[in-house]
């Protein structure tokens, strides 16, 4: 379901934008730098994600599993909530672009 237009956050999470989001909402044409980050979750959440990842036939990584979970959650959101999500995502991606530019001058 994913296409070539993806956002990736490496480390514990890799979030790939799903195709229906790209076609309906995404207006950003700028590429977003990819760099390693950490996300704090409790041990039970980590264990659940790792168990889901390992239980699949494809033996997915935790990052891939989180992407699938996000995609599934987004599939059930209303268009107005998807718009709000996209606005927040765009702000966070813009922050990443600006921070990356400042660090790599």
PDB file of N, CA and C in Angstrom:
ATOM      1  N   UNK A   1       0.811  -1.192   0.000  1.00  0.00           N
ATOM      2  CA  UNK A   1       0.000   0.000   0.000  1.00  0.00           C
ATOM      3  C   UNK A   1       0.858   1.261   0.000  1.00  0.00           C
ATOM      4  N   UNK A   2       2.115   1.171   0.443  1.00  0.00           N
ATOM      5  CA  UNK A   2       3.007   2.321   0.471  1.00  0.00           C
ATOM      6  C   UNK A   2       3.551   2.616  -0.919  1.00  0.00           C
ATOM      7  N   UNK A   3       3.842   3.894  -1.160  1.00  0.00           N
ATOM      8  CA  UNK A   3       4.438   4.274  -2.435  1.00  0.00           C
ATOM      9  C   UNK A   3       5.818   4.859  -2.183  1.00  0.00           C
ATOM     10  N   UNK A   4       6.384   5.535  -3.198  1.00  0.00           N
ATOM     11  CA  UNK A   4       7.737   6.063  -3.065  1.00  0.00           C
ATOM     12  C   UNK A   4       7.820   7.318  -2.219  1.00  0.00           C
ATOM     13  N   UNK A   5       6.701   7.960  -1.907  1.00  0.00           N
ATOM     14  CA  UNK A   5       6.696   9.173  -1.114  1.00  0.00           C
ATOM     15  C   UNK A   5       6.545   8.806   0.353  1.00  0.00           C
ATOM     16  N   UNK A   6       7.667   8.672   1.051  1.00  0.00           N
ATOM     17  CA  UNK A   6       7.603   8.206   2.433  1.00  0.00           C
ATOM     18  C   UNK A   6       8.326   9.169   3.352  1.00  0.00           C
ATOM     19  N   UNK A   7       7.885   9.202   4.591  1.00  0.00           N
ATOM     20  CA  UNK A   7       8.612   9.861   5.664  1.00  0.00           C
ATOM     21  C   UNK A   7       9.162   8.756   6.523  1.00  0.00           C
ATOM     22  N   UNK A   8      10.404   8.845   6.889  1.00  0.00           N
ATOM     23  CA  UNK A   8      10.998   7.798   7.707  1.00  0.00           C
ATOM     24  C   UNK A   8      11.652   8.418   8.928  1.00  0.00           C
ATOM     25  N   UNK A   9      11.388   7.835  10.056  1.00  0.00           N
ATOM     26  CA  UNK A   9      12.051   8.195  11.291  1.00  0.00           C
ATOM     27  C   UNK A   9      12.750   6.919  11.731  1.00  0.00           C
ATOM     28  N   UNK A  10      14.056   6.914  11.650  1.00  0.00           N
ATOM     29  CA  UNK A  10      14.810   5.701  11.961  1.00  0.00           C
ATOM     30  C   UNK A  10      14.968   5.525  13.458  1.00  0.00           C
ATOM     31  N   UNK A  11      15.557   4.443  13.845  1.00  0.00           N
ATOM     32  CA  UNK A  11      15.699   4.111  15.249  1.00  0.00           C
ATOM     33  C   UNK A  11      14.599   3.139  15.605  1.00  0.00           C
ATOM     34  N   UNK A  12      13.824   3.458  16.606  1.00  0.00           N
ATOM     35  CA  UNK A  12      12.751   2.566  17.032  1.00  0.00           C
ATOM     36  C   UNK A  12      11.524   2.649  16.127  1.00  0.00           C
ATOM     37  N   UNK A  13      11.406   3.701  15.350  1.00  0.00           N
ATOM     38  CA  UNK A  13      10.201   3.887  14.541  1.00  0.00           C
ATOM     39  C   UNK A  13      10.575   4.280  13.119  1.00  0.00           C
ATOM     40  N   UNK A  14       9.877   3.727  12.170  1.00  0.00           N
ATOM     41  CA  UNK A  14       9.982   4.166  10.783  1.00  0.00           C
ATOM     42  C   UNK A  14       8.551   4.410  10.331  1.00  0.00           C
ATOM     43  N   UNK A  15       8.179   5.650  10.131  1.00  0.00           N
ATOM     44  CA  UNK A  15       6.821   5.989   9.740  1.00  0.00           C
ATOM     45  C   UNK A  15       6.793   6.253   8.249  1.00  0.00           C
ATOM     46  N   UNK A  16       6.082   5.427   7.526  1.00  0.00           N
ATOM     47  CA  UNK A  16       5.947   5.624   6.099  1.00  0.00           C
ATOM     48  C   UNK A  16       4.559   6.161   5.817  1.00  0.00           C
ATOM     49  N   UNK A  17       4.522   7.250   5.059  1.00  0.00           N
ATOM     50  CA  UNK A  17       3.230   7.820   4.706  1.00  0.00           C
ATOM     51  C   UNK A  17       2.528   6.869   3.755  1.00  0.00           C
ATOM     52  N   UNK A  18       1.276   6.631   3.990  1.00  0.00           N
ATOM     53  CA  UNK A  18       0.523   5.683   3.186  1.00  0.00           C
ATOM     54  C   UNK A  18      -0.078   6.372   1.979  1.00  0.00           C
ATOM     55  N   UNK A  19      -0.362   5.587   0.945  1.00  0.00           N
ATOM     56  CA  UNK A  19      -0.762   6.152  -0.340  1.00  0.00           C
ATOM     57  C   UNK A  19      -2.028   6.990  -0.268  1.00  0.00           C
ATOM     58  N   UNK A  20      -3.048   6.559   0.497  1.00  0.00           N
ATOM     59  CA  UNK A  20      -4.264   7.367   0.530  1.00  0.00           C
ATOM     60  C   UNK A  20      -4.045   8.702   1.224  1.00  0.00           C
ATOM     61  N   UNK A  21      -3.097   8.777   2.125  1.00  0.00           N
ATOM     62  CA  UNK A  21      -2.761  10.054   2.735  1.00  0.00           C
ATOM     63  C   UNK A  21      -2.039  10.932   1.720  1.00  0.00           C
ATOM     64  N   UNK A  22      -1.117  10.341   0.970  1.00  0.00           N
ATOM     65  CA  UNK A  22      -0.366  11.105  -0.024  1.00  0.00           C
ATOM     66  C   UNK A  22      -1.286  11.717  -1.065  1.00  0.00           C
ATOM     67  N   UNK A  23      -2.266  10.978  -1.545  1.00  0.00           N
ATOM     68  CA  UNK A  23      -3.102  11.471  -2.615  1.00  0.00           C
ATOM     69  C   UNK A  23      -4.144  12.462  -2.132  1.00  0.00           C
ATOM     70  N   UNK A  24      -4.590  12.341  -0.883  1.00  0.00           N
ATOM     71  CA  UNK A  24      -5.667  13.203  -0.405  1.00  0.00           C
ATOM     72  C   UNK A  24      -5.196  14.468   0.287  1.00  0.00           C
ATOM     73  N   UNK A  25      -4.095  14.397   1.020  1.00  0.00           N
ATOM     74  CA  UNK A  25      -3.758  15.511   1.894  1.00  0.00           C
ATOM     75  C   UNK A  25      -2.392  16.117   1.615  1.00  0.00           C
ATOM     76  N   UNK A  26      -1.386  15.307   1.350  1.00  0.00           N
ATOM     77  CA  UNK A  26      -0.013  15.789   1.341  1.00  0.00           C
ATOM     78  C   UNK A  26       0.230  16.831   0.262  1.00  0.00           C
ATOM     79  N   UNK A  27       0.731  18.005   0.688  1.00  0.00           N
ATOM     80  CA  UNK A  27       1.054  19.075  -0.245  1.00  0.00           C
ATOM     81  C   UNK A  27       2.549  19.351  -0.307  1.00  0.00           C
ATOM     82  N   UNK A  28       3.310  18.776   0.603  1.00  0.00           N
ATOM     83  CA  UNK A  28       4.733  19.064   0.705  1.00  0.00           C
ATOM     84  C   UNK A  28       5.518  18.352  -0.389  1.00  0.00           C
ATOM     85  N   UNK A  29       6.334  19.103  -1.111  1.00  0.00           N
ATOM     86  CA  UNK A  29       7.169  18.533  -2.169  1.00  0.00           C
ATOM     87  C   UNK A  29       8.619  18.403  -1.722  1.00  0.00           C
ATOM     88  N   UNK A  30       8.987  19.047  -0.593  1.00  0.00           N
ATOM     89  CA  UNK A  30      10.360  19.012  -0.126  1.00  0.00           C
ATOM     90  C   UNK A  30      10.668  17.673   0.515  1.00  0.00           C
ATOM     91  N   UNK A  31      11.903  17.213   0.298  1.00  0.00           N
ATOM     92  CA  UNK A  31      12.309  15.972   0.942  1.00  0.00           C
ATOM     93  C   UNK A  31      12.611  16.232   2.412  1.00  0.00           C
ATOM     94  N   UNK A  32      12.396  15.238   3.207  1.00  0.00           N
ATOM     95  CA  UNK A  32      12.628  15.338   4.637  1.00  0.00           C
ATOM     96  C   UNK A  32      13.870  14.523   4.973  1.00  0.00           C
ATOM     97  N   UNK A  33      14.839  15.132   5.666  1.00  0.00           N
ATOM     98  CA  UNK A  33      16.038  14.368   6.016  1.00  0.00           C
ATOM     99  C   UNK A  33      15.680  13.207   6.933  1.00  0.00           C
ATOM    100  N   UNK A  34      16.425  12.144   6.812  1.00  0.00           N
ATOM    101  CA  UNK A  34      16.217  10.966   7.654  1.00  0.00           C
ATOM    102  C   UNK A  34      17.397  10.845   8.599  1.00  0.00           C
ATOM    103  N   UNK A  35      17.117  10.716   9.877  1.00  0.00           N
ATOM    104  CA  UNK A  35      18.167  10.558  10.866  1.00  0.00           C
ATOM    105  C   UNK A  35      17.619   9.748  12.032  1.00  0.00           C
ATOM    106  N   UNK A  36      18.527   9.187  12.805  1.00  0.00           N
ATOM    107  CA  UNK A  36      18.141   8.330  13.924  1.00  0.00           C
ATOM    108  C   UNK A  36      17.560   9.151  15.067  1.00  0.00           C
ATOM    109  N   UNK A  37      16.508   8.621  15.660  1.00  0.00           N
ATOM    110  CA  UNK A  37      15.886   9.224  16.844  1.00  0.00           C
ATOM    111  C   UNK A  37      15.476   8.108  17.795  1.00  0.00           C
ATOM    112  N   UNK A  38      15.206   8.473  19.022  1.00  0.00           N
ATOM    113  CA  UNK A  38      14.669   7.538  20.006  1.00  0.00           C
ATOM    114  C   UNK A  38      13.289   8.011  20.417  1.00  0.00           C
ATOM    115  N   UNK A  39      12.456   7.070  20.756  1.00  0.00           N
ATOM    116  CA  UNK A  39      11.126   7.392  21.259  1.00  0.00           C
ATOM    117  C   UNK A  39      10.926   6.594  22.539  1.00  0.00           C
ATOM    118  N   UNK A  40      10.555   7.266  23.603  1.00  0.00           N
ATOM    119  CA  UNK A  40      10.376   6.585  24.880  1.00  0.00           C
ATOM    120  C   UNK A  40       8.988   5.957  24.941  1.00  0.00           C
ATOM    121  N   UNK A  41       8.977   4.670  25.175  1.00  0.00           N
ATOM    122  CA  UNK A  41       7.740   3.926  25.421  1.00  0.00           C
ATOM    123  C   UNK A  41       7.994   3.029  26.618  1.00  0.00           C
ATOM    124  N   UNK A  42       6.925   2.614  27.278  1.00  0.00           N
ATOM    125  CA  UNK A  42       7.154   1.718  28.407  1.00  0.00           C
ATOM    126  C   UNK A  42       7.491   0.313  27.898  1.00  0.00           C
ATOM    127  N   UNK A  43       7.988  -0.526  28.792  1.00  0.00           N
ATOM    128  CA  UNK A  43       8.449  -1.851  28.399  1.00  0.00           C
ATOM    129  C   UNK A  43       7.315  -2.726  27.859  1.00  0.00           C
ATOM    130  N   UNK A  44       6.100  -2.524  28.331  1.00  0.00           N
ATOM    131  CA  UNK A  44       4.976  -3.327  27.854  1.00  0.00           C
ATOM    132  C   UNK A  44       4.632  -2.990  26.400  1.00  0.00           C
ATOM    133  N   UNK A  45       4.690  -1.694  26.073  1.00  0.00           N
ATOM    134  CA  UNK A  45       4.444  -1.274  24.689  1.00  0.00           C
ATOM    135  C   UNK A  45       5.535  -1.811  23.780  1.00  0.00           C
ATOM    136  N   UNK A  46       6.791  -1.679  24.209  1.00  0.00           N
ATOM    137  CA  UNK A  46       7.909  -2.219  23.421  1.00  0.00           C
ATOM    138  C   UNK A  46       7.747  -3.713  23.195  1.00  0.00           C
ATOM    139  N   UNK A  47       7.414  -4.444  24.261  1.00  0.00           N
ATOM    140  CA  UNK A  47       7.246  -5.885  24.142  1.00  0.00           C
ATOM    141  C   UNK A  47       6.116  -6.252  23.200  1.00  0.00           C
ATOM    142  N   UNK A  48       5.020  -5.513  23.253  1.00  0.00           N
ATOM    143  CA  UNK A  48       3.887  -5.787  22.370  1.00  0.00           C
ATOM    144  C   UNK A  48       4.271  -5.567  20.907  1.00  0.00           C
ATOM    145  N   UNK A  49       4.988  -4.482  20.636  1.00  0.00           N
ATOM    146  CA  UNK A  49       5.412  -4.197  19.258  1.00  0.00           C
ATOM    147  C   UNK A  49       6.380  -5.266  18.766  1.00  0.00           C
ATOM    148  N   UNK A  50       7.342  -5.641  19.590  1.00  0.00           N
ATOM    149  CA  UNK A  50       8.300  -6.676  19.186  1.00  0.00           C
ATOM    150  C   UNK A  50       7.618  -8.024  18.978  1.00  0.00           C
ATOM    151  N   UNK A  51       6.660  -8.357  19.833  1.00  0.00           N
ATOM    152  CA  UNK A  51       5.933  -9.623  19.674  1.00  0.00           C
ATOM    153  C   UNK A  51       5.115  -9.621  18.395  1.00  0.00           C
ATOM    154  N   UNK A  52       4.438  -8.514  18.105  1.00  0.00           N
ATOM    155  CA  UNK A  52       3.689  -8.416  16.847  1.00  0.00           C
ATOM    156  C   UNK A  52       4.616  -8.545  15.646  1.00  0.00           C
ATOM    157  N   UNK A  53       5.759  -7.872  15.710  1.00  0.00           N
ATOM    158  CA  UNK A  53       6.713  -7.898  14.599  1.00  0.00           C
ATOM    159  C   UNK A  53       7.226  -9.314  14.349  1.00  0.00           C
ATOM    160  N   UNK A  54       7.526 -10.021  15.405  1.00  0.00           N
ATOM    161  CA  UNK A  54       8.086 -11.371  15.262  1.00  0.00           C
ATOM    162  C   UNK A  54       7.031 -12.413  14.930  1.00  0.00           C
ATOM    163  N   UNK A  55       5.774 -12.113  15.247  1.00  0.00           N
ATOM    164  CA  UNK A  55       4.696 -13.076  14.997  1.00  0.00           C
ATOM    165  C   UNK A  55       4.231 -13.076  13.544  1.00  0.00           C
ATOM    166  N   UNK A  56       4.631 -12.071  12.778  1.00  0.00           N
ATOM    167  CA  UNK A  56       4.213 -12.021  11.377  1.00  0.00           C
ATOM    168  C   UNK A  56       5.046 -12.989  10.549  1.00  0.00           C
ATOM    169  N   UNK A  57       4.483 -13.418   9.449  1.00  0.00           N
ATOM    170  CA  UNK A  57       5.179 -14.358   8.568  1.00  0.00           C
ATOM    171  C   UNK A  57       6.464 -13.745   7.994  1.00  0.00           C
ATOM    172  N   UNK A  58       6.461 -12.433   7.803  1.00  0.00           N
ATOM    173  CA  UNK A  58       7.617 -11.752   7.212  1.00  0.00           C
ATOM    174  C   UNK A  58       8.684 -11.389   8.228  1.00  0.00           C
ATOM    175  N   UNK A  59       8.456 -11.681   9.513  1.00  0.00           N
ATOM    176  CA  UNK A  59       9.409 -11.337  10.582  1.00  0.00           C
ATOM    177  C   UNK A  59       9.836  -9.874  10.453  1.00  0.00           C
ATOM    178  N   UNK A  60       8.893  -9.004  10.558  1.00  0.00           N
ATOM    179  CA  UNK A  60       9.126  -7.568  10.387  1.00  0.00           C
ATOM    180  C   UNK A  60       9.980  -6.997  11.519  1.00  0.00           C
ATOM    181  N   UNK A  61      10.564  -5.837  11.256  1.00  0.00           N
ATOM    182  CA  UNK A  61      11.272  -5.115  12.304  1.00  0.00           C
ATOM    183  C   UNK A  61      10.246  -4.366  13.139  1.00  0.00           C
ATOM    184  N   UNK A  62      10.678  -3.904  14.301  1.00  0.00           N
ATOM    185  CA  UNK A  62       9.796  -3.101  15.146  1.00  0.00           C
ATOM    186  C   UNK A  62       9.365  -1.835  14.408  1.00  0.00           C
ATOM    187  N   UNK A  63      10.281  -1.241  13.660  1.00  0.00           N
ATOM    188  CA  UNK A  63       9.954  -0.036  12.894  1.00  0.00           C
ATOM    189  C   UNK A  63       8.868  -0.308  11.858  1.00  0.00           C
ATOM    190  N   UNK A  64       9.005  -1.407  11.149  1.00  0.00           N
ATOM    191  CA  UNK A  64       7.986  -1.764  10.154  1.00  0.00           C
ATOM    192  C   UNK A  64       6.639  -2.024  10.825  1.00  0.00           C
ATOM    193  N   UNK A  65       6.669  -2.668  11.981  1.00  0.00           N
ATOM    194  CA  UNK A  65       5.426  -2.967  12.681  1.00  0.00           C
ATOM    195  C   UNK A  65       4.735  -1.691  13.128  1.00  0.00           C
ATOM    196  N   UNK A  66       5.489  -0.732  13.620  1.00  0.00           N
ATOM    197  CA  UNK A  66       4.895   0.544  14.024  1.00  0.00           C
ATOM    198  C   UNK A  66       4.285   1.239  12.809  1.00  0.00           C
ATOM    199  N   UNK A  67       4.964   1.182  11.670  1.00  0.00           N
ATOM    200  CA  UNK A  67       4.407   1.773  10.444  1.00  0.00           C
ATOM    201  C   UNK A  67       3.070   1.141  10.081  1.00  0.00           C
ATOM    202  N   UNK A  68       2.995  -0.169  10.201  1.00  0.00           N
ATOM    203  CA  UNK A  68       1.745  -0.881   9.899  1.00  0.00           C
ATOM    204  C   UNK A  68       0.653  -0.475  10.875  1.00  0.00           C
ATOM    205  N   UNK A  69       0.997  -0.372  12.154  1.00  0.00           N
ATOM    206  CA  UNK A  69       0.018   0.035  13.161  1.00  0.00           C
ATOM    207  C   UNK A  69      -0.477   1.458  12.920  1.00  0.00           C
ATOM    208  N   UNK A  70       0.418   2.357  12.554  1.00  0.00           N
ATOM    209  CA  UNK A  70       0.023   3.735  12.257  1.00  0.00           C
ATOM    210  C   UNK A  70      -0.895   3.755  11.045  1.00  0.00           C
ATOM    211  N   UNK A  71      -0.526   3.024  10.002  1.00  0.00           N
ATOM    212  CA  UNK A  71      -1.341   2.963   8.795  1.00  0.00           C
ATOM    213  C   UNK A  71      -2.742   2.446   9.113  1.00  0.00           C
ATOM    214  N   UNK A  72      -2.815   1.423   9.924  1.00  0.00           N
ATOM    215  CA  UNK A  72      -4.101   0.864  10.308  1.00  0.00           C
ATOM    216  C   UNK A  72      -4.939   1.883  11.082  1.00  0.00           C
ATOM    217  N   UNK A  73      -4.297   2.601  11.978  1.00  0.00           N
ATOM    218  CA  UNK A  73      -5.001   3.622  12.749  1.00  0.00           C
ATOM    219  C   UNK A  73      -5.500   4.734  11.835  1.00  0.00           C
ATOM    220  N   UNK A  74      -4.651   5.168  10.894  1.00  0.00           N
ATOM    221  CA  UNK A  74      -5.030   6.241   9.968  1.00  0.00           C
ATOM    222  C   UNK A  74      -6.189   5.825   9.074  1.00  0.00           C
ATOM    223  N   UNK A  75      -6.252   4.547   8.710  1.00  0.00           N
ATOM    224  CA  UNK A  75      -7.338   4.050   7.868  1.00  0.00           C
ATOM    225  C   UNK A  75      -8.707   4.245   8.518  1.00  0.00           C
ATOM    226  N   UNK A  76      -8.733   4.334   9.842  1.00  0.00           N
ATOM    227  CA  UNK A  76      -9.990   4.469  10.562  1.00  0.00           C
ATOM    228  C   UNK A  76     -10.312   5.892  10.987  1.00  0.00           C
ATOM    229  N   UNK A  77      -9.491   6.848  10.590  1.00  0.00           N
ATOM    230  CA  UNK A  77      -9.723   8.245  10.971  1.00  0.00           C
ATOM    231  C   UNK A  77     -10.648   8.929   9.971  1.00  0.00           C
ATOM    232  N   UNK A  78     -11.378   9.901  10.460  1.00  0.00           N
ATOM    233  CA  UNK A  78     -12.251  10.697   9.598  1.00  0.00           C
ATOM    234  C   UNK A  78     -11.399  11.666   8.786  1.00  0.00           C
ATOM    235  N   UNK A  79     -11.919  12.161   7.663  1.00  0.00           N
ATOM    236  CA  UNK A  79     -11.146  13.129   6.870  1.00  0.00           C
ATOM    237  C   UNK A  79     -10.725  14.366   7.670  1.00  0.00           C
ATOM    238  N   UNK A  80     -11.579  14.856   8.556  1.00  0.00           N
ATOM    239  CA  UNK A  80     -11.198  16.045   9.334  1.00  0.00           C
ATOM    240  C   UNK A  80     -10.066  15.721  10.302  1.00  0.00           C
ATOM    241  N   UNK A  81     -10.082  14.539  10.904  1.00  0.00           N
ATOM    242  CA  UNK A  81      -8.988  14.162  11.806  1.00  0.00           C
ATOM    243  C   UNK A  81      -7.715  13.859  11.026  1.00  0.00           C
ATOM    244  N   UNK A  82      -7.847  13.324   9.813  1.00  0.00           N
ATOM    245  CA  UNK A  82      -6.670  13.116   8.968  1.00  0.00           C
ATOM    246  C   UNK A  82      -6.016  14.446   8.617  1.00  0.00           C
ATOM    247  N   UNK A  83      -6.820  15.456   8.390  1.00  0.00           N
ATOM    248  CA  UNK A  83      -6.299  16.789   8.077  1.00  0.00           C
ATOM    249  C   UNK A  83      -5.516  17.338   9.265  1.00  0.00           C
ATOM    250  N   UNK A  84      -6.065  17.179  10.457  1.00  0.00           N
ATOM    251  CA  UNK A  84      -5.373  17.633  11.662  1.00  0.00           C
ATOM    252  C   UNK A  84      -4.057  16.877  11.822  1.00  0.00           C
ATOM    253  N   UNK A  85      -4.110  15.558  11.642  1.00  0.00           N
ATOM    254  CA  UNK A  85      -2.898  14.728  11.701  1.00  0.00           C
ATOM    255  C   UNK A  85      -1.860  15.240  10.707  1.00  0.00           C
ATOM    256  N   UNK A  86      -2.287  15.482   9.473  1.00  0.00           N
ATOM    257  CA  UNK A  86      -1.359  15.928   8.435  1.00  0.00           C
ATOM    258  C   UNK A  86      -0.756  17.279   8.786  1.00  0.00           C
ATOM    259  N   UNK A  87      -1.557  18.174   9.368  1.00  0.00           N
ATOM    260  CA  UNK A  87      -1.031  19.479   9.784  1.00  0.00           C
ATOM    261  C   UNK A  87       0.061  19.312  10.842  1.00  0.00           C
ATOM    262  N   UNK A  88      -0.197  18.477  11.851  1.00  0.00           N
ATOM    263  CA  UNK A  88       0.818  18.221  12.877  1.00  0.00           C
ATOM    264  C   UNK A  88       2.055  17.576  12.271  1.00  0.00           C
ATOM    265  N   UNK A  89       1.856  16.597  11.389  1.00  0.00           N
ATOM    266  CA  UNK A  89       2.987  15.919  10.759  1.00  0.00           C
ATOM    267  C   UNK A  89       3.821  16.900   9.943  1.00  0.00           C
ATOM    268  N   UNK A  90       3.158  17.771   9.190  1.00  0.00           N
ATOM    269  CA  UNK A  90       3.879  18.757   8.390  1.00  0.00           C
ATOM    270  C   UNK A  90       4.724  19.680   9.256  1.00  0.00           C
ATOM    271  N   UNK A  91       4.188  20.097  10.411  1.00  0.00           N
ATOM    272  CA  UNK A  91       4.936  20.964  11.326  1.00  0.00           C
ATOM    273  C   UNK A  91       6.169  20.224  11.849  1.00  0.00           C
ATOM    274  N   UNK A  92       5.994  18.976  12.261  1.00  0.00           N
ATOM    275  CA  UNK A  92       7.120  18.197  12.785  1.00  0.00           C
ATOM    276  C   UNK A  92       8.176  17.942  11.709  1.00  0.00           C
ATOM    277  N   UNK A  93       7.742  17.659  10.491  1.00  0.00           N
ATOM    278  CA  UNK A  93       8.697  17.440   9.396  1.00  0.00           C
ATOM    279  C   UNK A  93       9.437  18.728   9.053  1.00  0.00           C
ATOM    280  N   UNK A  94       8.732  19.853   9.098  1.00  0.00           N
ATOM    281  CA  UNK A  94       9.387  21.136   8.830  1.00  0.00           C
ATOM    282  C   UNK A  94      10.436  21.417   9.912  1.00  0.00           C
ATOM    283  N   UNK A  95      10.098  21.126  11.167  1.00  0.00           N
ATOM    284  CA  UNK A  95      11.049  21.279  12.271  1.00  0.00           C
ATOM    285  C   UNK A  95      12.291  20.421  12.024  1.00  0.00           C
ATOM    286  N   UNK A  96      12.094  19.192  11.572  1.00  0.00           N
ATOM    287  CA  UNK A  96      13.223  18.310  11.265  1.00  0.00           C
ATOM    288  C   UNK A  96      14.083  18.888  10.148  1.00  0.00           C
ATOM    289  N   UNK A  97      13.439  19.404   9.094  1.00  0.00           N
ATOM    290  CA  UNK A  97      14.195  20.001   7.981  1.00  0.00           C
ATOM    291  C   UNK A  97      15.036  21.178   8.454  1.00  0.00           C
ATOM    292  N   UNK A  98      14.420  22.052   9.247  1.00  0.00           N
ATOM    293  CA  UNK A  98      15.136  23.232   9.724  1.00  0.00           C
ATOM    294  C   UNK A  98      16.281  22.863  10.662  1.00  0.00           C
ATOM    295  N   UNK A  99      16.019  21.936  11.577  1.00  0.00           N
ATOM    296  CA  UNK A  99      17.072  21.484  12.493  1.00  0.00           C
ATOM    297  C   UNK A  99      18.216  20.831  11.754  1.00  0.00           C
ATOM    298  N   UNK A 100      17.899  20.053  10.727  1.00  0.00           N
ATOM    299  CA  UNK A 100      18.917  19.387   9.925  1.00  0.00           C
ATOM    300  C   UNK A 100      19.782  20.413   9.188  1.00  0.00           C
ATOM    301  N   UNK A 101      19.122  21.425   8.640  1.00  0.00           N
ATOM    302  CA  UNK A 101      19.866  22.484   7.927  1.00  0.00           C
ATOM    303  C   UNK A 101      20.810  23.228   8.872  1.00  0.00           C
ATOM    304  N   UNK A 102      20.330  23.528  10.088  1.00  0.00           N
ATOM    305  CA  UNK A 102      21.167  24.253  11.047  1.00  0.00           C
ATOM    306  C   UNK A 102      22.371  23.429  11.489  1.00  0.00           C
ATOM    307  N   UNK A 103      22.184  22.124  11.664  1.00  0.00           N
ATOM    308  CA  UNK A 103      23.279  21.252  12.101  1.00  0.00           C
ATOM    309  C   UNK A 103      24.288  20.988  11.004  1.00  0.00           C
ATOM    310  N   UNK A 104      23.880  21.104   9.757  1.00  0.00           N
ATOM    311  CA  UNK A 104      24.746  20.733   8.629  1.00  0.00           C
ATOM    312  C   UNK A 104      25.140  21.913   7.762  1.00  0.00           C
ATOM    313  N   UNK A 105      25.329  23.051   8.363  1.00  0.00           N
ATOM    314  CA  UNK A 105      25.771  24.237   7.605  1.00  0.00           C
ATOM    315  C   UNK A 105      27.242  24.168   7.342  1.00  0.00           C
TER     316      UNK A 105
END
